[in-house]
């Protein structure tokens, strides 16, 4: 039981609800996901931002469920 608890803490410690992700990249990855994950595409906010090179871009914030699907142990 202790191993499960520490794994959950480790996984949750990397999630930052305020971090911005490139919206197009997230949508592209979610389009190949199962139907229950595709439903999150329409819920992603559009936030204007700039990329590392200073070019205007569209970013989004993702919920923890999407984060764990994309970067977790699915």
PDB file of N, CA and C in Angstrom:
ATOM      1  N   UNK A   1       0.803  -1.182   0.000  1.00  0.00           N
ATOM      2  CA  UNK A   1       0.000   0.000   0.000  1.00  0.00           C
ATOM      3  C   UNK A   1       0.855   1.258   0.000  1.00  0.00           C
ATOM      4  N   UNK A   2       1.995   1.233   0.666  1.00  0.00           N
ATOM      5  CA  UNK A   2       2.864   2.402   0.713  1.00  0.00           C
ATOM      6  C   UNK A   2       3.405   2.742  -0.673  1.00  0.00           C
ATOM      7  N   UNK A   3       3.671   1.724  -1.501  1.00  0.00           N
ATOM      8  CA  UNK A   3       4.178   1.974  -2.847  1.00  0.00           C
ATOM      9  C   UNK A   3       3.147   2.713  -3.689  1.00  0.00           C
ATOM     10  N   UNK A   4       1.885   2.363  -3.562  1.00  0.00           N
ATOM     11  CA  UNK A   4       0.834   3.030  -4.324  1.00  0.00           C
ATOM     12  C   UNK A   4       0.715   4.479  -3.898  1.00  0.00           C
ATOM     13  N   UNK A   5       0.778   4.733  -2.622  1.00  0.00           N
ATOM     14  CA  UNK A   5       0.667   6.092  -2.103  1.00  0.00           C
ATOM     15  C   UNK A   5       1.804   6.963  -2.629  1.00  0.00           C
ATOM     16  N   UNK A   6       3.030   6.467  -2.606  1.00  0.00           N
ATOM     17  CA  UNK A   6       4.162   7.260  -3.070  1.00  0.00           C
ATOM     18  C   UNK A   6       4.103   7.462  -4.581  1.00  0.00           C
ATOM     19  N   UNK A   7       3.576   6.499  -5.338  1.00  0.00           N
ATOM     20  CA  UNK A   7       3.438   6.674  -6.786  1.00  0.00           C
ATOM     21  C   UNK A   7       2.447   7.789  -7.099  1.00  0.00           C
ATOM     22  N   UNK A   8       1.313   7.825  -6.383  1.00  0.00           N
ATOM     23  CA  UNK A   8       0.322   8.873  -6.606  1.00  0.00           C
ATOM     24  C   UNK A   8       0.890  10.241  -6.271  1.00  0.00           C
ATOM     25  N   UNK A   9       1.651  10.339  -5.211  1.00  0.00           N
ATOM     26  CA  UNK A   9       2.265  11.605  -4.837  1.00  0.00           C
ATOM     27  C   UNK A   9       3.273  12.039  -5.886  1.00  0.00           C
ATOM     28  N   UNK A  10       4.041  11.110  -6.407  1.00  0.00           N
ATOM     29  CA  UNK A  10       5.032  11.424  -7.429  1.00  0.00           C
ATOM     30  C   UNK A  10       4.359  11.922  -8.696  1.00  0.00           C
ATOM     31  N   UNK A  11       3.319  11.242  -9.134  1.00  0.00           N
ATOM     32  CA  UNK A  11       2.617  11.611 -10.353  1.00  0.00           C
ATOM     33  C   UNK A  11       1.930  12.967 -10.206  1.00  0.00           C
ATOM     34  N   UNK A  12       1.305  13.234  -9.080  1.00  0.00           N
ATOM     35  CA  UNK A  12       0.614  14.486  -8.863  1.00  0.00           C
ATOM     36  C   UNK A  12       1.581  15.643  -8.669  1.00  0.00           C
ATOM     37  N   UNK A  13       2.799  15.379  -8.221  1.00  0.00           N
ATOM     38  CA  UNK A  13       3.732  16.460  -7.956  1.00  0.00           C
ATOM     39  C   UNK A  13       4.218  17.136  -9.232  1.00  0.00           C
ATOM     40  N   UNK A  14       4.144  16.477 -10.374  1.00  0.00           N
ATOM     41  CA  UNK A  14       4.596  17.065 -11.622  1.00  0.00           C
ATOM     42  C   UNK A  14       3.495  17.850 -12.329  1.00  0.00           C
ATOM     43  N   UNK A  15       2.247  17.636 -11.973  1.00  0.00           N
ATOM     44  CA  UNK A  15       1.139  18.326 -12.617  1.00  0.00           C
ATOM     45  C   UNK A  15       1.040  19.756 -12.094  1.00  0.00           C
ATOM     46  N   UNK A  16       0.997  20.715 -13.018  1.00  0.00           N
ATOM     47  CA  UNK A  16       0.841  22.126 -12.668  1.00  0.00           C
ATOM     48  C   UNK A  16      -0.362  22.654 -13.431  1.00  0.00           C
ATOM     49  N   UNK A  17      -1.429  22.960 -12.728  1.00  0.00           N
ATOM     50  CA  UNK A  17      -2.668  23.371 -13.389  1.00  0.00           C
ATOM     51  C   UNK A  17      -2.549  24.709 -14.104  1.00  0.00           C
ATOM     52  N   UNK A  18      -1.539  25.511 -13.794  1.00  0.00           N
ATOM     53  CA  UNK A  18      -1.369  26.816 -14.420  1.00  0.00           C
ATOM     54  C   UNK A  18      -0.397  26.798 -15.600  1.00  0.00           C
ATOM     55  N   UNK A  19       0.233  25.672 -15.854  1.00  0.00           N
ATOM     56  CA  UNK A  19       1.199  25.588 -16.954  1.00  0.00           C
ATOM     57  C   UNK A  19       0.479  25.658 -18.291  1.00  0.00           C
ATOM     58  N   UNK A  20       1.092  26.326 -19.254  1.00  0.00           N
ATOM     59  CA  UNK A  20       0.526  26.446 -20.593  1.00  0.00           C
ATOM     60  C   UNK A  20       1.195  25.454 -21.538  1.00  0.00           C
ATOM     61  N   UNK A  21       0.386  24.839 -22.380  1.00  0.00           N
ATOM     62  CA  UNK A  21       0.859  23.878 -23.377  1.00  0.00           C
ATOM     63  C   UNK A  21       0.428  24.362 -24.753  1.00  0.00           C
ATOM     64  N   UNK A  22       1.165  24.018 -25.771  1.00  0.00           N
ATOM     65  CA  UNK A  22       0.789  24.360 -27.139  1.00  0.00           C
ATOM     66  C   UNK A  22      -0.528  23.658 -27.468  1.00  0.00           C
ATOM     67  N   UNK A  23      -1.556  24.430 -27.768  1.00  0.00           N
ATOM     68  CA  UNK A  23      -2.897  23.877 -27.962  1.00  0.00           C
ATOM     69  C   UNK A  23      -2.949  22.925 -29.156  1.00  0.00           C
ATOM     70  N   UNK A  24      -2.301  23.294 -30.251  1.00  0.00           N
ATOM     71  CA  UNK A  24      -2.329  22.444 -31.445  1.00  0.00           C
ATOM     72  C   UNK A  24      -1.683  21.088 -31.188  1.00  0.00           C
ATOM     73  N   UNK A  25      -0.591  21.068 -30.435  1.00  0.00           N
ATOM     74  CA  UNK A  25       0.086  19.803 -30.131  1.00  0.00           C
ATOM     75  C   UNK A  25      -0.779  18.916 -29.234  1.00  0.00           C
ATOM     76  N   UNK A  26      -1.444  19.511 -28.254  1.00  0.00           N
ATOM     77  CA  UNK A  26      -2.309  18.745 -27.359  1.00  0.00           C
ATOM     78  C   UNK A  26      -3.490  18.176 -28.136  1.00  0.00           C
ATOM     79  N   UNK A  27      -4.111  18.993 -28.990  1.00  0.00           N
ATOM     80  CA  UNK A  27      -5.255  18.533 -29.790  1.00  0.00           C
ATOM     81  C   UNK A  27      -4.837  17.410 -30.726  1.00  0.00           C
ATOM     82  N   UNK A  28      -3.681  17.547 -31.347  1.00  0.00           N
ATOM     83  CA  UNK A  28      -3.197  16.512 -32.268  1.00  0.00           C
ATOM     84  C   UNK A  28      -3.025  15.170 -31.561  1.00  0.00           C
ATOM     85  N   UNK A  29      -2.507  15.202 -30.330  1.00  0.00           N
ATOM     86  CA  UNK A  29      -2.329  13.954 -29.577  1.00  0.00           C
ATOM     87  C   UNK A  29      -3.655  13.393 -29.082  1.00  0.00           C
ATOM     88  N   UNK A  30      -4.591  14.275 -28.714  1.00  0.00           N
ATOM     89  CA  UNK A  30      -5.883  13.805 -28.223  1.00  0.00           C
ATOM     90  C   UNK A  30      -6.771  13.259 -29.343  1.00  0.00           C
ATOM     91  N   UNK A  31      -6.537  13.676 -30.583  1.00  0.00           N
ATOM     92  CA  UNK A  31      -7.337  13.161 -31.696  1.00  0.00           C
ATOM     93  C   UNK A  31      -7.094  11.676 -31.930  1.00  0.00           C
ATOM     94  N   UNK A  32      -5.960  11.172 -31.496  1.00  0.00           N
ATOM     95  CA  UNK A  32      -5.638   9.753 -31.639  1.00  0.00           C
ATOM     96  C   UNK A  32      -6.029   8.955 -30.389  1.00  0.00           C
ATOM     97  N   UNK A  33      -6.612   9.634 -29.415  1.00  0.00           N
ATOM     98  CA  UNK A  33      -6.968   9.006 -28.136  1.00  0.00           C
ATOM     99  C   UNK A  33      -8.333   8.327 -28.215  1.00  0.00           C
ATOM    100  N   UNK A  34      -8.679   7.537 -27.214  1.00  0.00           N
ATOM    101  CA  UNK A  34     -10.020   6.939 -27.157  1.00  0.00           C
ATOM    102  C   UNK A  34     -11.097   8.028 -27.042  1.00  0.00           C
ATOM    103  N   UNK A  35     -12.324   7.654 -27.323  1.00  0.00           N
ATOM    104  CA  UNK A  35     -13.436   8.612 -27.376  1.00  0.00           C
ATOM    105  C   UNK A  35     -13.625   9.374 -26.073  1.00  0.00           C
ATOM    106  N   UNK A  36     -13.443   8.702 -24.949  1.00  0.00           N
ATOM    107  CA  UNK A  36     -13.657   9.396 -23.676  1.00  0.00           C
ATOM    108  C   UNK A  36     -12.626  10.504 -23.454  1.00  0.00           C
ATOM    109  N   UNK A  37     -11.458  10.418 -24.074  1.00  0.00           N
ATOM    110  CA  UNK A  37     -10.454  11.477 -23.962  1.00  0.00           C
ATOM    111  C   UNK A  37     -10.674  12.557 -25.026  1.00  0.00           C
ATOM    112  N   UNK A  38     -11.205  12.186 -26.181  1.00  0.00           N
ATOM    113  CA  UNK A  38     -11.466  13.162 -27.234  1.00  0.00           C
ATOM    114  C   UNK A  38     -12.470  14.218 -26.793  1.00  0.00           C
ATOM    115  N   UNK A  39     -13.340  13.871 -25.867  1.00  0.00           N
ATOM    116  CA  UNK A  39     -14.344  14.828 -25.400  1.00  0.00           C
ATOM    117  C   UNK A  39     -13.710  16.050 -24.735  1.00  0.00           C
ATOM    118  N   UNK A  40     -12.475  15.935 -24.284  1.00  0.00           N
ATOM    119  CA  UNK A  40     -11.792  17.061 -23.651  1.00  0.00           C
ATOM    120  C   UNK A  40     -11.316  18.095 -24.667  1.00  0.00           C
ATOM    121  N   UNK A  41     -11.247  17.759 -25.941  1.00  0.00           N
ATOM    122  CA  UNK A  41     -10.760  18.692 -26.953  1.00  0.00           C
ATOM    123  C   UNK A  41     -11.606  19.962 -26.972  1.00  0.00           C
ATOM    124  N   UNK A  42     -12.911  19.812 -26.957  1.00  0.00           N
ATOM    125  CA  UNK A  42     -13.792  20.988 -27.029  1.00  0.00           C
ATOM    126  C   UNK A  42     -13.785  21.799 -25.737  1.00  0.00           C
ATOM    127  N   UNK A  43     -13.278  21.239 -24.658  1.00  0.00           N
ATOM    128  CA  UNK A  43     -13.265  21.927 -23.364  1.00  0.00           C
ATOM    129  C   UNK A  43     -11.968  22.687 -23.103  1.00  0.00           C
ATOM    130  N   UNK A  44     -10.980  22.539 -23.971  1.00  0.00           N
ATOM    131  CA  UNK A  44      -9.689  23.196 -23.761  1.00  0.00           C
ATOM    132  C   UNK A  44      -9.801  24.692 -24.054  1.00  0.00           C
ATOM    133  N   UNK A  45      -9.360  25.543 -23.136  1.00  0.00           N
ATOM    134  CA  UNK A  45      -9.429  26.989 -23.384  1.00  0.00           C
ATOM    135  C   UNK A  45      -8.368  27.425 -24.387  1.00  0.00           C
ATOM    136  N   UNK A  46      -8.664  28.510 -25.106  1.00  0.00           N
ATOM    137  CA  UNK A  46      -7.689  29.103 -26.030  1.00  0.00           C
ATOM    138  C   UNK A  46      -7.082  30.320 -25.355  1.00  0.00           C
ATOM    139  N   UNK A  47      -5.774  30.288 -25.162  1.00  0.00           N
ATOM    140  CA  UNK A  47      -5.056  31.368 -24.496  1.00  0.00           C
ATOM    141  C   UNK A  47      -3.966  31.865 -25.431  1.00  0.00           C
ATOM    142  N   UNK A  48      -3.965  33.140 -25.717  1.00  0.00           N
ATOM    143  CA  UNK A  48      -2.921  33.727 -26.568  1.00  0.00           C
ATOM    144  C   UNK A  48      -1.609  33.769 -25.795  1.00  0.00           C
ATOM    145  N   UNK A  49      -0.532  33.346 -26.443  1.00  0.00           N
ATOM    146  CA  UNK A  49       0.785  33.356 -25.812  1.00  0.00           C
ATOM    147  C   UNK A  49       1.846  33.481 -26.896  1.00  0.00           C
ATOM    148  N   UNK A  50       3.089  33.470 -26.494  1.00  0.00           N
ATOM    149  CA  UNK A  50       4.205  33.483 -27.440  1.00  0.00           C
ATOM    150  C   UNK A  50       5.072  32.266 -27.177  1.00  0.00           C
ATOM    151  N   UNK A  51       5.645  31.724 -28.249  1.00  0.00           N
ATOM    152  CA  UNK A  51       6.523  30.560 -28.078  1.00  0.00           C
ATOM    153  C   UNK A  51       7.924  31.014 -27.699  1.00  0.00           C
ATOM    154  N   UNK A  52       8.847  30.099 -27.614  1.00  0.00           N
ATOM    155  CA  UNK A  52      10.213  30.401 -27.181  1.00  0.00           C
ATOM    156  C   UNK A  52      10.926  31.363 -28.132  1.00  0.00           C
ATOM    157  N   UNK A  53      10.530  31.340 -29.404  1.00  0.00           N
ATOM    158  CA  UNK A  53      11.157  32.221 -30.389  1.00  0.00           C
ATOM    159  C   UNK A  53      10.487  33.591 -30.437  1.00  0.00           C
ATOM    160  N   UNK A  54       9.438  33.787 -29.652  1.00  0.00           N
ATOM    161  CA  UNK A  54       8.748  35.071 -29.620  1.00  0.00           C
ATOM    162  C   UNK A  54       7.608  35.190 -30.611  1.00  0.00           C
ATOM    163  N   UNK A  55       7.268  34.099 -31.292  1.00  0.00           N
ATOM    164  CA  UNK A  55       6.171  34.119 -32.260  1.00  0.00           C
ATOM    165  C   UNK A  55       4.834  33.942 -31.541  1.00  0.00           C
ATOM    166  N   UNK A  56       3.783  34.635 -32.006  1.00  0.00           N
ATOM    167  CA  UNK A  56       2.471  34.449 -31.372  1.00  0.00           C
ATOM    168  C   UNK A  56       1.965  33.025 -31.583  1.00  0.00           C
ATOM    169  N   UNK A  57       1.314  32.502 -30.576  1.00  0.00           N
ATOM    170  CA  UNK A  57       0.844  31.127 -30.598  1.00  0.00           C
ATOM    171  C   UNK A  57      -0.440  31.017 -29.781  1.00  0.00           C
ATOM    172  N   UNK A  58      -1.079  29.864 -29.855  1.00  0.00           N
ATOM    173  CA  UNK A  58      -2.261  29.590 -29.048  1.00  0.00           C
ATOM    174  C   UNK A  58      -1.910  28.485 -28.069  1.00  0.00           C
ATOM    175  N   UNK A  59      -2.125  28.767 -26.800  1.00  0.00           N
ATOM    176  CA  UNK A  59      -1.809  27.809 -25.746  1.00  0.00           C
ATOM    177  C   UNK A  59      -3.087  27.375 -25.047  1.00  0.00           C
ATOM    178  N   UNK A  60      -2.952  26.409 -24.167  1.00  0.00           N
ATOM    179  CA  UNK A  60      -4.082  25.925 -23.390  1.00  0.00           C
ATOM    180  C   UNK A  60      -3.587  25.391 -22.055  1.00  0.00           C
ATOM    181  N   UNK A  61      -4.500  25.317 -21.117  1.00  0.00           N
ATOM    182  CA  UNK A  61      -4.245  24.638 -19.864  1.00  0.00           C
ATOM    183  C   UNK A  61      -5.020  23.331 -19.922  1.00  0.00           C
ATOM    184  N   UNK A  62      -4.444  22.277 -19.357  1.00  0.00           N
ATOM    185  CA  UNK A  62      -5.101  20.972 -19.441  1.00  0.00           C
ATOM    186  C   UNK A  62      -5.478  20.483 -18.047  1.00  0.00           C
ATOM    187  N   UNK A  63      -6.590  19.750 -17.946  1.00  0.00           N
ATOM    188  CA  UNK A  63      -6.946  19.155 -16.659  1.00  0.00           C
ATOM    189  C   UNK A  63      -6.013  17.991 -16.326  1.00  0.00           C
ATOM    190  N   UNK A  64      -6.022  17.581 -15.079  1.00  0.00           N
ATOM    191  CA  UNK A  64      -5.116  16.525 -14.621  1.00  0.00           C
ATOM    192  C   UNK A  64      -5.373  15.200 -15.332  1.00  0.00           C
ATOM    193  N   UNK A  65      -6.607  14.926 -15.694  1.00  0.00           N
ATOM    194  CA  UNK A  65      -6.932  13.677 -16.400  1.00  0.00           C
ATOM    195  C   UNK A  65      -6.205  13.637 -17.744  1.00  0.00           C
ATOM    196  N   UNK A  66      -6.211  14.741 -18.457  1.00  0.00           N
ATOM    197  CA  UNK A  66      -5.529  14.811 -19.749  1.00  0.00           C
ATOM    198  C   UNK A  66      -4.016  14.714 -19.546  1.00  0.00           C
ATOM    199  N   UNK A  67      -3.509  15.385 -18.524  1.00  0.00           N
ATOM    200  CA  UNK A  67      -2.076  15.313 -18.233  1.00  0.00           C
ATOM    201  C   UNK A  67      -1.640  13.873 -17.996  1.00  0.00           C
ATOM    202  N   UNK A  68      -2.404  13.152 -17.188  1.00  0.00           N
ATOM    203  CA  UNK A  68      -2.024  11.779 -16.882  1.00  0.00           C
ATOM    204  C   UNK A  68      -2.149  10.884 -18.108  1.00  0.00           C
ATOM    205  N   UNK A  69      -3.103  11.166 -18.993  1.00  0.00           N
ATOM    206  CA  UNK A  69      -3.198  10.373 -20.212  1.00  0.00           C
ATOM    207  C   UNK A  69      -1.996  10.627 -21.110  1.00  0.00           C
ATOM    208  N   UNK A  70      -1.623  11.902 -21.280  1.00  0.00           N
ATOM    209  CA  UNK A  70      -0.548  12.249 -22.203  1.00  0.00           C
ATOM    210  C   UNK A  70       0.845  11.956 -21.652  1.00  0.00           C
ATOM    211  N   UNK A  71       1.058  12.217 -20.379  1.00  0.00           N
ATOM    212  CA  UNK A  71       2.401  12.124 -19.812  1.00  0.00           C
ATOM    213  C   UNK A  71       2.542  11.071 -18.727  1.00  0.00           C
ATOM    214  N   UNK A  72       1.445  10.434 -18.350  1.00  0.00           N
ATOM    215  CA  UNK A  72       1.461   9.463 -17.250  1.00  0.00           C
ATOM    216  C   UNK A  72       1.712   8.049 -17.730  1.00  0.00           C
ATOM    217  N   UNK A  73       1.152   7.118 -17.021  1.00  0.00           N
ATOM    218  CA  UNK A  73       1.442   5.713 -17.277  1.00  0.00           C
ATOM    219  C   UNK A  73       0.304   5.005 -17.973  1.00  0.00           C
ATOM    220  N   UNK A  74      -0.273   5.610 -19.006  1.00  0.00           N
ATOM    221  CA  UNK A  74      -1.341   4.963 -19.767  1.00  0.00           C
ATOM    222  C   UNK A  74      -0.743   4.038 -20.784  1.00  0.00           C
TER     223      UNK A  74
END
